[in-house]
Every structure is written in C-alpha cells, then in structure tokens.
C-alpha cells in the first residue's frame, strides 16, 4: 500500500487522547495532529489473522473519504500512512444516543446529505447502524465510519441496489423517531427490500453473524453497544432495586485495547459504596452485567420529561468532554453534567498523557 499524506504530517506527530473504539480491525483514537483535533484509525494493533481484512477496510475508507473531500458532513481526510489514517473530528453524538424524536428537519437534511453522497458515486453500505449517523452540536446530521463504503465510477445496477439500501436504512431510522413524517413513497421503500437484500437476510447474514460474532468477537453493534443493549436496562433495573439507590443510568465506553465496559451513574438516598453496588449487580447478572465503573452522583442531568440525559452521560463515560460543552445549552443540566465530568472515573485521556499506548 503506497504511502500518502494530504498534509505534511507524520504518524509520530499524533498526540493520542481518548480511545473511541478498539476491535480486531483497528483502534480508533481521538487526539491532536498539530493544531487540529483528529481521529486516528490505526491497523497496527490488529491480530495477524485479521490484518488482510483490516487493511482492505482501511483502503476502502481512505478511498471513499478522498472522493468526499468537498462535503462538510463527512470527516475530512487529514492524512494517511501505510497503517494509520487521520480524519477530522466531527463534534456530535450517535443517533441512538441523540434520539431525535419528532425532529423532521434532521431527517430531511439527512436525506439531502445521503443524495449528495450518492451523486459523488459513493455508497456507505453500513447505515443500518445508528452509530454511523451523528447529530452534530449544531443539530445537523453527519456520517462517519466509511470502512464498508464503495466507490462507483458508473451508476450501474450494483450501485443502484446499494444506494437504494442506503436510503431504506435511513428511512428505518426515520420510522423509529419520526414515523408520522414518512411519506407514502418512503413507506413503500421501507416495505420493499431489494432482491439481494432478501437473499442476504435469508442466507448470508447468518454466516456473517456467526463469523464476526464468533470468530472475530465483533458485531454491528461494535461491542460496546451490544453489551449496553443486552445489559444496560437490566443493570439499571437491578441498581434501582437497591434500597439506597434513587435513580441510575448506564452508558458504555471502549476499553483501550479491545471490548467495552459499562459505566453506571447512580443517584442515592443513602450512603453506599460503588463496590457494594457492583456486587449487588453481580449476584443477579453475573460478570457481563456487572458495571465496570459506578459513579455516585448528586444529580443526573435530565430532559424535560425527567428522563436521564443519556447523550450527555455517554459523552462523559467516553471522555469526550469537548463535545459535552457543545452538547447542551440549558444551564441547569450543563452544570449537572460538568459536576459529574469533574469526578468521572474513566481517565483514559490522562493515561495517554502519561505516555501509555
């Protein structure tokens, strides 16, 4: 793979801050390259047996980002090396955390963005994952993670099928959050999977899930989201059954090397130690359902209905404090989030500052 560098920057100039994700295909880290905040995708830590596929995915993402360099709602390619790729950082939260219920303008703009992507001959191919859609700090949509993206010089049959599926997956998210805003045409698209997709769902997807989740210990939920999906609600229910707990909220965060942890934020009515709450969860939910980190807080930030602000808590759990400042303009909730962030337990940023890789 030839060496490329759109900017005169070297791999050694990157200053790591916080691990965003780590799996058998790459480690993704937030940090600084010169004066710019960037995201590094590094394929060096991957196991030997997964390196061929890791390099292939690396190449696909680089090629797609090069084609989309004029769009401001996808990451800008800052620099590449043989084993590392640097892209600009987009400040926002994933769709499943933002939960844009009723935000029809968001989905109208998201469709416009997707059409612009397709006009440049790029198909994302991974938009079923809500993690790949962001709501930026200014409310606009953005797209990330182009490892599976394909570039099509001509708009042939394959391109049309893949572009159709990109749109159908966006409409699935719109149905989840703004079902009343779906047009008659959009409902028809949702109800009509392409033939290759129907064949894939009936045959290939089972093999894919078996290989990725079994052999690779990897899934479409990127590990952390799967563990949160499987145990998050159960952990919250178990914690709130403890006599000292008033309210709780659980988020996930990536381990520096591989996998993800559960981070529980807990309001209490009486004194209790985090270790006691971890043991309380372990009694019923065993190891995977035991939160790795338990932070006792004075008050959780909440929305207008009184539900915990999971978008803010996820940013704290993942150490994305710059995004936290931009994510909420309501003084009371912003102050509650700042107090929690000041006492946060995931200190991967300090680990990197101390020189640990």
Foldseek 3Di string as FASTA:
>chain_A
DDFKFPDPFDPVQWFFFFWFAAFQLWTWTWTDRVPAIKIKTFRVLHDPVCSVLSQLLVVQVVVLLVLVQPDPQEWHFGTDGSGMTITHDFQFAFCVQVLQAPPVVQLVQVVVVLVVSVVSQKFQQLLLQSRQWTQGLVRHIHGYRRSVMDGDPDCDPVSVLRSLVNLLSSLVSCCVRPVVPQDPVNVVSVVDHDPVVVVCVVPVVVVVCCCCCPVRVQDSCSQFNVLCVVAFVVLQVQLCVDQFFDGKGWHWEYDNHHHIFIEMETETPDDDDLVVSQVSQCVPPNDSNRGPHYHYANDAQADPVRHGSSRLVNCLQRVVVVSLVSNDDDVVNSVRSVVCSVVGDDRSSVVSVVPDD
